[in-house]
Amino acid sequence: MPEPFLSLSSADRKEARALTADRSGRPAHLLEKDDRVVWALQTFFSSELGEHLVFKGG
C-alpha cells in the first residue's frame, strides 16, 4: 500500500486524501497522519532493527 501512494505527486496524494475523506467521513489531516504512521512502521520493521522491535498498539 505505501509504495504506490508515496510515489504519487504531492498534488495527487492530496487529491486522493480528499476523495477518501469525502467517502469515509474522516478528516483529511487524520488520513495524512495515518499515511505517515504506516510509512514509519514499515520503515522500522523492514530494517535490521525491526527484528528486535515489538509494536504494541492501543
C-alpha atoms as a PDB file:
ATOM      1  CA  MET A   1       0.000   0.000   0.000  1.00  0.00           C
ATOM      2  CA  PRO A   2       2.523   2.699   0.934  1.00  0.00           C
ATOM      3  CA  GLU A   3       4.824   2.488  -2.099  1.00  0.00           C
ATOM      4  CA  PRO A   4       2.286   3.278  -4.835  1.00  0.00           C
ATOM      5  CA  PHE A   5       0.696   6.022  -2.760  1.00  0.00           C
ATOM      6  CA  LEU A   6       4.007   7.602  -1.775  1.00  0.00           C
ATOM      7  CA  SER A   7       5.187   7.588  -5.373  1.00  0.00           C
ATOM      8  CA  LEU A   8       2.313   9.933  -6.326  1.00  0.00           C
ATOM      9  CA  SER A   9       2.937  13.644  -6.642  1.00  0.00           C
ATOM     10  CA  SER A  10       2.050  15.811  -3.663  1.00  0.00           C
ATOM     11  CA  ALA A  11      -0.999  17.148  -5.509  1.00  0.00           C
ATOM     12  CA  ASP A  12      -2.200  13.626  -6.352  1.00  0.00           C
ATOM     13  CA  ARG A  13      -1.747  12.457  -2.745  1.00  0.00           C
ATOM     14  CA  LYS A  14      -3.736  15.480  -1.563  1.00  0.00           C
ATOM     15  CA  GLU A  15      -6.493  14.698  -4.069  1.00  0.00           C
ATOM     16  CA  ALA A  16      -6.566  11.034  -3.012  1.00  0.00           C
ATOM     17  CA  ARG A  17      -6.856  12.042   0.647  1.00  0.00           C
ATOM     18  CA  ALA A  18      -9.661  14.494  -0.162  1.00  0.00           C
ATOM     19  CA  LEU A  19     -11.577  11.786  -2.024  1.00  0.00           C
ATOM     20  CA  THR A  20     -11.024   9.298   0.798  1.00  0.00           C
ATOM     21  CA  ALA A  21     -12.053  11.897   3.387  1.00  0.00           C
ATOM     22  CA  ASP A  22     -15.231  12.601   1.452  1.00  0.00           C
ATOM     23  CA  ARG A  23     -16.126   8.917   1.150  1.00  0.00           C
ATOM     24  CA  SER A  24     -15.142   7.888   4.671  1.00  0.00           C
ATOM     25  CA  GLY A  25     -16.164  10.974   6.610  1.00  0.00           C
ATOM     26  CA  ARG A  26     -12.706  11.140   8.234  1.00  0.00           C
ATOM     27  CA  PRO A  27     -10.819  14.447   8.133  1.00  0.00           C
ATOM     28  CA  ALA A  28      -8.023  14.617   5.549  1.00  0.00           C
ATOM     29  CA  HIS A  29      -5.454  15.655   8.179  1.00  0.00           C
ATOM     30  CA  LEU A  30      -6.096  12.409  10.099  1.00  0.00           C
ATOM     31  CA  LEU A  31      -5.696  10.403   6.914  1.00  0.00           C
ATOM     32  CA  GLU A  32      -2.364  12.133   6.319  1.00  0.00           C
ATOM     33  CA  LYS A  33      -1.276  11.214   9.842  1.00  0.00           C
ATOM     34  CA  ASP A  34      -2.242   7.594   9.146  1.00  0.00           C
ATOM     35  CA  ASP A  35      -0.138   7.648   5.960  1.00  0.00           C
ATOM     36  CA  ARG A  36       2.885   8.802   7.918  1.00  0.00           C
ATOM     37  CA  VAL A  37       2.384   6.228  10.680  1.00  0.00           C
ATOM     38  CA  VAL A  38       2.149   3.392   8.138  1.00  0.00           C
ATOM     39  CA  TRP A  39       5.290   4.648   6.382  1.00  0.00           C
ATOM     40  CA  ALA A  40       7.209   4.918   9.676  1.00  0.00           C
ATOM     41  CA  LEU A  41       6.180   1.450  10.866  1.00  0.00           C
ATOM     42  CA  GLN A  42       7.040  -0.105   7.525  1.00  0.00           C
ATOM     43  CA  THR A  43      10.434   1.617   7.559  1.00  0.00           C
ATOM     44  CA  PHE A  44      11.217   0.488  11.110  1.00  0.00           C
ATOM     45  CA  PHE A  45      10.092  -3.104  10.671  1.00  0.00           C
ATOM     46  CA  SER A  46      11.791  -3.615   7.305  1.00  0.00           C
ATOM     47  CA  SER A  47      15.170  -2.559   8.712  1.00  0.00           C
ATOM     48  CA  GLU A  48      17.622  -4.753  10.633  1.00  0.00           C
ATOM     49  CA  LEU A  49      16.400  -3.051  13.780  1.00  0.00           C
ATOM     50  CA  GLY A  50      12.910  -4.382  13.051  1.00  0.00           C
ATOM     51  CA  GLU A  51      13.904  -7.879  14.109  1.00  0.00           C
ATOM     52  CA  HIS A  52      14.226  -6.576  17.658  1.00  0.00           C
ATOM     53  CA  LEU A  53      11.144  -4.354  17.776  1.00  0.00           C
ATOM     54  CA  VAL A  54       7.705  -5.128  19.103  1.00  0.00           C
ATOM     55  CA  PHE A  55       4.733  -2.980  18.223  1.00  0.00           C
ATOM     56  CA  LYS A  56       2.090  -2.576  20.896  1.00  0.00           C
ATOM     57  CA  GLY A  57      -0.982  -0.776  19.633  1.00  0.00           C
ATOM     58  CA  GLY A  58      -3.666   0.729  21.722  1.00  0.00           C
END
